[in-house]
C-alpha cells in the first residue's frame, strides 16, 4: 500500500507508538529475559550468528509493525470520514 504523505504517518509511528512500547513493563521484562538468555551463550561463534539473526529478525518485525500501523491508521481515518459523512 502506498501512502503519498508517508513521512507524516512514519513520524507519528516513530514518536508515539514506539516510545510507549519500549517503556512498558512487559517490554522491560521481556528485554531482561532476552539479555539473560543471550548472556548465557558461551560459544562466541554461536553468539555472533545469533546476534546477526536477531538483527535481521528485528528489521523484519520493525517493518511489519510499521506496515500494520500504517494500514490500521489509514483504515481508522477512512472509517472516521465515512462516519462523519454518513446520513442517518
PDB file of N, CA and C in Angstrom:
ATOM      1  N   UNK A   1       0.855  -1.169   0.000  1.00  0.00           N
ATOM      2  CA  UNK A   1       0.000   0.000   0.000  1.00  0.00           C
ATOM      3  C   UNK A   1       0.904   1.236   0.000  1.00  0.00           C
ATOM      4  N   UNK A   2       0.624   2.143  -0.883  1.00  0.00           N
ATOM      5  CA  UNK A   2       1.416   3.369  -0.990  1.00  0.00           C
ATOM      6  C   UNK A   2       0.714   4.516  -0.264  1.00  0.00           C
ATOM      7  N   UNK A   3       1.496   5.331   0.417  1.00  0.00           N
ATOM      8  CA  UNK A   3       0.974   6.497   1.106  1.00  0.00           C
ATOM      9  C   UNK A   3       1.678   7.728   0.556  1.00  0.00           C
ATOM     10  N   UNK A   4       0.929   8.661  -0.027  1.00  0.00           N
ATOM     11  CA  UNK A   4       1.566   9.838  -0.617  1.00  0.00           C
ATOM     12  C   UNK A   4       2.302  10.700   0.402  1.00  0.00           C
ATOM     13  N   UNK A   5       1.832  10.773   1.614  1.00  0.00           N
ATOM     14  CA  UNK A   5       2.486  11.561   2.664  1.00  0.00           C
ATOM     15  C   UNK A   5       2.991  10.634   3.758  1.00  0.00           C
ATOM     16  N   UNK A   6       3.752   9.636   3.350  1.00  0.00           N
ATOM     17  CA  UNK A   6       4.193   8.600   4.275  1.00  0.00           C
ATOM     18  C   UNK A   6       4.968   9.160   5.462  1.00  0.00           C
ATOM     19  N   UNK A   7       5.701  10.231   5.239  1.00  0.00           N
ATOM     20  CA  UNK A   7       6.506  10.767   6.329  1.00  0.00           C
ATOM     21  C   UNK A   7       5.661  11.194   7.531  1.00  0.00           C
ATOM     22  N   UNK A   8       4.445  11.637   7.312  1.00  0.00           N
ATOM     23  CA  UNK A   8       3.570  12.043   8.415  1.00  0.00           C
ATOM     24  C   UNK A   8       3.218  10.828   9.273  1.00  0.00           C
ATOM     25  N   UNK A   9       2.840   9.737   8.626  1.00  0.00           N
ATOM     26  CA  UNK A   9       2.488   8.516   9.352  1.00  0.00           C
ATOM     27  C   UNK A   9       3.734   7.935  10.019  1.00  0.00           C
ATOM     28  N   UNK A  10       4.871   7.957   9.325  1.00  0.00           N
ATOM     29  CA  UNK A  10       6.129   7.471   9.903  1.00  0.00           C
ATOM     30  C   UNK A  10       6.482   8.270  11.159  1.00  0.00           C
ATOM     31  N   UNK A  11       6.343   9.583  11.099  1.00  0.00           N
ATOM     32  CA  UNK A  11       6.644  10.422  12.258  1.00  0.00           C
ATOM     33  C   UNK A  11       5.734  10.081  13.432  1.00  0.00           C
ATOM     34  N   UNK A  12       4.459   9.904  13.141  1.00  0.00           N
ATOM     35  CA  UNK A  12       3.509   9.552  14.190  1.00  0.00           C
ATOM     36  C   UNK A  12       3.882   8.215  14.816  1.00  0.00           C
ATOM     37  N   UNK A  13       4.198   7.245  13.989  1.00  0.00           N
ATOM     38  CA  UNK A  13       4.587   5.919  14.482  1.00  0.00           C
ATOM     39  C   UNK A  13       5.851   6.005  15.329  1.00  0.00           C
ATOM     40  N   UNK A  14       6.862   6.677  14.818  1.00  0.00           N
ATOM     41  CA  UNK A  14       8.160   6.719  15.498  1.00  0.00           C
ATOM     42  C   UNK A  14       8.128   7.507  16.798  1.00  0.00           C
ATOM     43  N   UNK A  15       7.326   8.561  16.879  1.00  0.00           N
ATOM     44  CA  UNK A  15       7.331   9.387  18.079  1.00  0.00           C
ATOM     45  C   UNK A  15       6.307   8.950  19.113  1.00  0.00           C
ATOM     46  N   UNK A  16       5.253   8.307  18.688  1.00  0.00           N
ATOM     47  CA  UNK A  16       4.200   7.946  19.630  1.00  0.00           C
ATOM     48  C   UNK A  16       4.200   6.489  20.013  1.00  0.00           C
ATOM     49  N   UNK A  17       4.060   5.629  19.053  1.00  0.00           N
ATOM     50  CA  UNK A  17       3.881   4.204  19.313  1.00  0.00           C
ATOM     51  C   UNK A  17       5.149   3.561  19.854  1.00  0.00           C
ATOM     52  N   UNK A  18       6.243   3.750  19.174  1.00  0.00           N
ATOM     53  CA  UNK A  18       7.487   3.093  19.557  1.00  0.00           C
ATOM     54  C   UNK A  18       7.959   3.529  20.934  1.00  0.00           C
ATOM     55  N   UNK A  19       7.821   4.798  21.238  1.00  0.00           N
ATOM     56  CA  UNK A  19       8.250   5.299  22.550  1.00  0.00           C
ATOM     57  C   UNK A  19       7.458   4.648  23.675  1.00  0.00           C
ATOM     58  N   UNK A  20       6.172   4.442  23.471  1.00  0.00           N
ATOM     59  CA  UNK A  20       5.340   3.829  24.504  1.00  0.00           C
ATOM     60  C   UNK A  20       5.656   2.354  24.693  1.00  0.00           C
ATOM     61  N   UNK A  21       5.968   1.662  23.625  1.00  0.00           N
ATOM     62  CA  UNK A  21       6.243   0.236  23.707  1.00  0.00           C
ATOM     63  C   UNK A  21       7.517  -0.031  24.497  1.00  0.00           C
ATOM     64  N   UNK A  22       8.576   0.698  24.208  1.00  0.00           N
ATOM     65  CA  UNK A  22       9.857   0.435  24.861  1.00  0.00           C
ATOM     66  C   UNK A  22       9.888   0.861  26.319  1.00  0.00           C
ATOM     67  N   UNK A  23       8.878   1.552  26.790  1.00  0.00           N
ATOM     68  CA  UNK A  23       8.805   1.952  28.192  1.00  0.00           C
ATOM     69  C   UNK A  23       7.848   1.088  29.010  1.00  0.00           C
ATOM     70  N   UNK A  24       7.182   0.158  28.363  1.00  0.00           N
ATOM     71  CA  UNK A  24       6.206  -0.648  29.081  1.00  0.00           C
ATOM     72  C   UNK A  24       6.886  -1.669  29.994  1.00  0.00           C
ATOM     73  N   UNK A  25       6.185  -2.057  31.030  1.00  0.00           N
ATOM     74  CA  UNK A  25       6.692  -3.047  31.981  1.00  0.00           C
ATOM     75  C   UNK A  25       6.936  -4.375  31.263  1.00  0.00           C
ATOM     76  N   UNK A  26       6.014  -4.753  30.403  1.00  0.00           N
ATOM     77  CA  UNK A  26       6.132  -6.014  29.682  1.00  0.00           C
ATOM     78  C   UNK A  26       7.377  -6.036  28.792  1.00  0.00           C
ATOM     79  N   UNK A  27       7.615  -4.927  28.116  1.00  0.00           N
ATOM     80  CA  UNK A  27       8.791  -4.843  27.252  1.00  0.00           C
ATOM     81  C   UNK A  27      10.073  -4.980  28.071  1.00  0.00           C
ATOM     82  N   UNK A  28      10.137  -4.277  29.189  1.00  0.00           N
ATOM     83  CA  UNK A  28      11.335  -4.329  30.023  1.00  0.00           C
ATOM     84  C   UNK A  28      11.572  -5.732  30.575  1.00  0.00           C
ATOM     85  N   UNK A  29      10.499  -6.431  30.963  1.00  0.00           N
ATOM     86  CA  UNK A  29      10.635  -7.797  31.457  1.00  0.00           C
ATOM     87  C   UNK A  29      11.134  -8.738  30.364  1.00  0.00           C
ATOM     88  N   UNK A  30      10.560  -8.609  29.176  1.00  0.00           N
ATOM     89  CA  UNK A  30      11.000  -9.451  28.059  1.00  0.00           C
ATOM     90  C   UNK A  30      12.441  -9.144  27.667  1.00  0.00           C
ATOM     91  N   UNK A  31      12.796  -7.866  27.690  1.00  0.00           N
ATOM     92  CA  UNK A  31      14.168  -7.476  27.352  1.00  0.00           C
ATOM     93  C   UNK A  31      15.154  -8.074  28.362  1.00  0.00           C
ATOM     94  N   UNK A  32      14.806  -8.053  29.640  1.00  0.00           N
ATOM     95  CA  UNK A  32      15.650  -8.631  30.679  1.00  0.00           C
ATOM     96  C   UNK A  32      15.814 -10.135  30.461  1.00  0.00           C
ATOM     97  N   UNK A  33      14.714 -10.808  30.175  1.00  0.00           N
ATOM     98  CA  UNK A  33      14.734 -12.254  29.921  1.00  0.00           C
ATOM     99  C   UNK A  33      15.619 -12.560  28.710  1.00  0.00           C
ATOM    100  N   UNK A  34      15.488 -11.758  27.658  1.00  0.00           N
ATOM    101  CA  UNK A  34      16.300 -11.931  26.458  1.00  0.00           C
ATOM    102  C   UNK A  34      17.780 -11.748  26.778  1.00  0.00           C
ATOM    103  N   UNK A  35      18.118 -10.693  27.498  1.00  0.00           N
ATOM    104  CA  UNK A  35      19.518 -10.410  27.842  1.00  0.00           C
ATOM    105  C   UNK A  35      20.135 -11.521  28.683  1.00  0.00           C
ATOM    106  N   UNK A  36      19.369 -12.054  29.626  1.00  0.00           N
ATOM    107  CA  UNK A  36      19.869 -13.165  30.437  1.00  0.00           C
ATOM    108  C   UNK A  36      20.158 -14.380  29.569  1.00  0.00           C
ATOM    109  N   UNK A  37      19.253 -14.682  28.658  1.00  0.00           N
ATOM    110  CA  UNK A  37      19.454 -15.823  27.758  1.00  0.00           C
ATOM    111  C   UNK A  37      20.666 -15.595  26.863  1.00  0.00           C
ATOM    112  N   UNK A  38      20.750 -14.416  26.280  1.00  0.00           N
ATOM    113  CA  UNK A  38      21.872 -14.100  25.390  1.00  0.00           C
ATOM    114  C   UNK A  38      23.207 -14.192  26.132  1.00  0.00           C
ATOM    115  N   UNK A  39      23.259 -13.674  27.335  1.00  0.00           N
ATOM    116  CA  UNK A  39      24.488 -13.710  28.125  1.00  0.00           C
ATOM    117  C   UNK A  39      24.890 -15.126  28.525  1.00  0.00           C
ATOM    118  N   UNK A  40      23.941 -16.045  28.520  1.00  0.00           N
ATOM    119  CA  UNK A  40      24.244 -17.431  28.893  1.00  0.00           C
ATOM    120  C   UNK A  40      24.928 -18.208  27.760  1.00  0.00           C
ATOM    121  N   UNK A  41      24.916 -17.674  26.544  1.00  0.00           N
ATOM    122  CA  UNK A  41      25.565 -18.347  25.410  1.00  0.00           C
ATOM    123  C   UNK A  41      27.072 -18.155  25.544  1.00  0.00           C
ATOM    124  N   UNK A  42      27.787 -19.254  25.637  1.00  0.00           N
ATOM    125  CA  UNK A  42      29.240 -19.193  25.846  1.00  0.00           C
ATOM    126  C   UNK A  42      30.027 -19.332  24.546  1.00  0.00           C
ATOM    127  N   UNK A  43      29.485 -20.014  23.573  1.00  0.00           N
ATOM    128  CA  UNK A  43      30.169 -20.210  22.295  1.00  0.00           C
ATOM    129  C   UNK A  43      30.115 -18.903  21.502  1.00  0.00           C
ATOM    130  N   UNK A  44      31.272 -18.296  21.256  1.00  0.00           N
ATOM    131  CA  UNK A  44      31.327 -16.974  20.614  1.00  0.00           C
ATOM    132  C   UNK A  44      30.824 -16.989  19.168  1.00  0.00           C
ATOM    133  N   UNK A  45      31.110 -18.063  18.442  1.00  0.00           N
ATOM    134  CA  UNK A  45      30.626 -18.151  17.055  1.00  0.00           C
ATOM    135  C   UNK A  45      29.106 -18.243  17.033  1.00  0.00           C
ATOM    136  N   UNK A  46      28.566 -19.059  17.903  1.00  0.00           N
ATOM    137  CA  UNK A  46      27.111 -19.187  18.008  1.00  0.00           C
ATOM    138  C   UNK A  46      26.484 -17.865  18.443  1.00  0.00           C
ATOM    139  N   UNK A  47      27.131 -17.192  19.381  1.00  0.00           N
ATOM    140  CA  UNK A  47      26.634 -15.905  19.868  1.00  0.00           C
ATOM    141  C   UNK A  47      26.613 -14.874  18.738  1.00  0.00           C
ATOM    142  N   UNK A  48      27.645 -14.879  17.900  1.00  0.00           N
ATOM    143  CA  UNK A  48      27.726 -13.953  16.773  1.00  0.00           C
ATOM    144  C   UNK A  48      26.624 -14.233  15.749  1.00  0.00           C
ATOM    145  N   UNK A  49      26.425 -15.491  15.434  1.00  0.00           N
ATOM    146  CA  UNK A  49      25.374 -15.854  14.477  1.00  0.00           C
ATOM    147  C   UNK A  49      23.989 -15.520  15.035  1.00  0.00           C
ATOM    148  N   UNK A  50      23.823 -15.763  16.312  1.00  0.00           N
ATOM    149  CA  UNK A  50      22.556 -15.435  16.960  1.00  0.00           C
ATOM    150  C   UNK A  50      22.296 -13.932  16.884  1.00  0.00           C
ATOM    151  N   UNK A  51      23.327 -13.139  17.107  1.00  0.00           N
ATOM    152  CA  UNK A  51      23.196 -11.680  17.034  1.00  0.00           C
ATOM    153  C   UNK A  51      22.809 -11.229  15.633  1.00  0.00           C
ATOM    154  N   UNK A  52      23.443 -11.814  14.630  1.00  0.00           N
ATOM    155  CA  UNK A  52      23.112 -11.470  13.240  1.00  0.00           C
ATOM    156  C   UNK A  52      21.671 -11.836  12.921  1.00  0.00           C
ATOM    157  N   UNK A  53      21.259 -13.008  13.371  1.00  0.00           N
ATOM    158  CA  UNK A  53      19.877 -13.446  13.158  1.00  0.00           C
ATOM    159  C   UNK A  53      18.895 -12.503  13.845  1.00  0.00           C
ATOM    160  N   UNK A  54      19.220 -12.073  15.047  1.00  0.00           N
ATOM    161  CA  UNK A  54      18.365 -11.150  15.785  1.00  0.00           C
ATOM    162  C   UNK A  54      18.248  -9.802  15.091  1.00  0.00           C
ATOM    163  N   UNK A  55      19.341  -9.323  14.512  1.00  0.00           N
ATOM    164  CA  UNK A  55      19.300  -8.055  13.777  1.00  0.00           C
ATOM    165  C   UNK A  55      18.348  -8.145  12.588  1.00  0.00           C
ATOM    166  N   UNK A  56      18.442  -9.243  11.853  1.00  0.00           N
ATOM    167  CA  UNK A  56      17.562  -9.433  10.694  1.00  0.00           C
ATOM    168  C   UNK A  56      16.109  -9.555  11.148  1.00  0.00           C
ATOM    169  N   UNK A  57      15.893 -10.346  12.201  1.00  0.00           N
ATOM    170  CA  UNK A  57      14.532 -10.527  12.721  1.00  0.00           C
ATOM    171  C   UNK A  57      13.954  -9.197  13.193  1.00  0.00           C
ATOM    172  N   UNK A  58      14.767  -8.390  13.855  1.00  0.00           N
ATOM    173  CA  UNK A  58      14.315  -7.089  14.349  1.00  0.00           C
ATOM    174  C   UNK A  58      13.915  -6.185  13.186  1.00  0.00           C
ATOM    175  N   UNK A  59      14.689  -6.196  12.116  1.00  0.00           N
ATOM    176  CA  UNK A  59      14.347  -5.394  10.938  1.00  0.00           C
ATOM    177  C   UNK A  59      13.038  -5.864  10.316  1.00  0.00           C
ATOM    178  N   UNK A  60      12.860  -7.180  10.216  1.00  0.00           N
ATOM    179  CA  UNK A  60      11.622  -7.736   9.648  1.00  0.00           C
ATOM    180  C   UNK A  60      10.426  -7.332  10.507  1.00  0.00           C
ATOM    181  N   UNK A  61      10.512  -7.557  11.815  1.00  0.00           N
ATOM    182  CA  UNK A  61       9.400  -7.227  12.705  1.00  0.00           C
ATOM    183  C   UNK A  61       9.133  -5.730  12.725  1.00  0.00           C
ATOM    184  N   UNK A  62      10.184  -4.931  12.684  1.00  0.00           N
ATOM    185  CA  UNK A  62      10.006  -3.481  12.660  1.00  0.00           C
ATOM    186  C   UNK A  62       9.257  -3.025  11.422  1.00  0.00           C
ATOM    187  N   UNK A  63       9.620  -3.581  10.278  1.00  0.00           N
ATOM    188  CA  UNK A  63       8.929  -3.215   9.042  1.00  0.00           C
ATOM    189  C   UNK A  63       7.484  -3.690   9.069  1.00  0.00           C
ATOM    190  N   UNK A  64       7.273  -4.910   9.580  1.00  0.00           N
ATOM    191  CA  UNK A  64       5.902  -5.420   9.713  1.00  0.00           C
ATOM    192  C   UNK A  64       5.069  -4.503  10.605  1.00  0.00           C
ATOM    193  N   UNK A  65       5.634  -4.105  11.740  1.00  0.00           N
ATOM    194  CA  UNK A  65       4.915  -3.226  12.674  1.00  0.00           C
ATOM    195  C   UNK A  65       4.538  -1.903  12.013  1.00  0.00           C
ATOM    196  N   UNK A  66       5.479  -1.326  11.275  1.00  0.00           N
ATOM    197  CA  UNK A  66       5.198  -0.059  10.592  1.00  0.00           C
ATOM    198  C   UNK A  66       4.086  -0.226   9.574  1.00  0.00           C
ATOM    199  N   UNK A  67       4.167  -1.288   8.779  1.00  0.00           N
ATOM    200  CA  UNK A  67       3.155  -1.520   7.747  1.00  0.00           C
ATOM    201  C   UNK A  67       1.773  -1.739   8.358  1.00  0.00           C
ATOM    202  N   UNK A  68       1.719  -2.516   9.430  1.00  0.00           N
ATOM    203  CA  UNK A  68       0.438  -2.772  10.098  1.00  0.00           C
ATOM    204  C   UNK A  68      -0.119  -1.483  10.686  1.00  0.00           C
ATOM    205  N   UNK A  69       0.747  -0.672  11.290  1.00  0.00           N
ATOM    206  CA  UNK A  69       0.308   0.614  11.840  1.00  0.00           C
ATOM    207  C   UNK A  69      -0.244   1.509  10.740  1.00  0.00           C
ATOM    208  N   UNK A  70       0.453   1.597   9.624  1.00  0.00           N
ATOM    209  CA  UNK A  70       0.009   2.452   8.512  1.00  0.00           C
ATOM    210  C   UNK A  70      -1.347   2.000   7.984  1.00  0.00           C
ATOM    211  N   UNK A  71      -1.501   0.703   7.812  1.00  0.00           N
ATOM    212  CA  UNK A  71      -2.772   0.185   7.306  1.00  0.00           C
ATOM    213  C   UNK A  71      -3.890   0.451   8.309  1.00  0.00           C
ATOM    214  N   UNK A  72      -3.629   0.199   9.592  1.00  0.00           N
ATOM    215  CA  UNK A  72      -4.633   0.441  10.631  1.00  0.00           C
ATOM    216  C   UNK A  72      -4.997   1.909  10.743  1.00  0.00           C
ATOM    217  N   UNK A  73      -3.991   2.764  10.669  1.00  0.00           N
ATOM    218  CA  UNK A  73      -4.238   4.202  10.753  1.00  0.00           C
ATOM    219  C   UNK A  73      -5.075   4.664   9.561  1.00  0.00           C
ATOM    220  N   UNK A  74      -4.710   4.206   8.381  1.00  0.00           N
ATOM    221  CA  UNK A  74      -5.434   4.566   7.176  1.00  0.00           C
ATOM    222  C   UNK A  74      -6.893   4.094   7.255  1.00  0.00           C
ATOM    223  N   UNK A  75      -7.078   2.875   7.736  1.00  0.00           N
ATOM    224  CA  UNK A  75      -8.431   2.334   7.854  1.00  0.00           C
ATOM    225  C   UNK A  75      -9.243   3.129   8.875  1.00  0.00           C
ATOM    226  N   UNK A  76      -8.627   3.503   9.985  1.00  0.00           N
ATOM    227  CA  UNK A  76      -9.328   4.273  11.012  1.00  0.00           C
ATOM    228  C   UNK A  76      -9.767   5.631  10.474  1.00  0.00           C
ATOM    229  N   UNK A  77      -8.906   6.274   9.694  1.00  0.00           N
ATOM    230  CA  UNK A  77      -9.260   7.571   9.112  1.00  0.00           C
ATOM    231  C   UNK A  77     -10.414   7.404   8.126  1.00  0.00           C
ATOM    232  N   UNK A  78     -10.384   6.361   7.313  1.00  0.00           N
ATOM    233  CA  UNK A  78     -11.479   6.115   6.357  1.00  0.00           C
ATOM    234  C   UNK A  78     -12.793   5.873   7.094  1.00  0.00           C
ATOM    235  N   UNK A  79     -12.742   5.113   8.185  1.00  0.00           N
ATOM    236  CA  UNK A  79     -13.950   4.853   8.972  1.00  0.00           C
ATOM    237  C   UNK A  79     -14.468   6.153   9.582  1.00  0.00           C
ATOM    238  N   UNK A  80     -13.561   6.975  10.090  1.00  0.00           N
ATOM    239  CA  UNK A  80     -13.955   8.261  10.660  1.00  0.00           C
ATOM    240  C   UNK A  80     -14.611   9.147   9.612  1.00  0.00           C
ATOM    241  N   UNK A  81     -14.014   9.227   8.441  1.00  0.00           N
ATOM    242  CA  UNK A  81     -14.584  10.050   7.374  1.00  0.00           C
ATOM    243  C   UNK A  81     -15.957   9.525   6.971  1.00  0.00           C
ATOM    244  N   UNK A  82     -16.076   8.222   6.854  1.00  0.00           N
ATOM    245  CA  UNK A  82     -17.379   7.634   6.496  1.00  0.00           C
ATOM    246  C   UNK A  82     -18.413   7.920   7.577  1.00  0.00           C
ATOM    247  N   UNK A  83     -18.026   7.808   8.841  1.00  0.00           N
ATOM    248  CA  UNK A  83     -18.958   8.074   9.943  1.00  0.00           C
ATOM    249  C   UNK A  83     -19.396   9.539   9.951  1.00  0.00           C
ATOM    250  N   UNK A  84     -18.485  10.453   9.652  1.00  0.00           N
ATOM    251  CA  UNK A  84     -18.817  11.862   9.660  1.00  0.00           C
ATOM    252  C   UNK A  84     -19.687  12.281   8.464  1.00  0.00           C
ATOM    253  N   UNK A  85     -19.593  11.554   7.378  1.00  0.00           N
ATOM    254  CA  UNK A  85     -20.357  11.910   6.173  1.00  0.00           C
ATOM    255  C   UNK A  85     -21.620  11.078   6.006  1.00  0.00           C
ATOM    256  N   UNK A  86     -21.830  10.141   6.908  1.00  0.00           N
ATOM    257  CA  UNK A  86     -22.988   9.256   6.796  1.00  0.00           C
ATOM    258  C   UNK A  86     -24.248   9.989   7.254  1.00  0.00           C
ATOM    259  N   UNK A  87     -25.291   9.865   6.457  1.00  0.00           N
ATOM    260  CA  UNK A  87     -26.565  10.481   6.822  1.00  0.00           C
ATOM    261  C   UNK A  87     -27.452   9.429   7.475  1.00  0.00           C
ATOM    262  N   UNK A  88     -27.695   9.603   8.749  1.00  0.00           N
ATOM    263  CA  UNK A  88     -28.539   8.659   9.479  1.00  0.00           C
ATOM    264  C   UNK A  88     -29.850   9.308   9.825  1.00  0.00           C
TER     265      UNK A  88
END
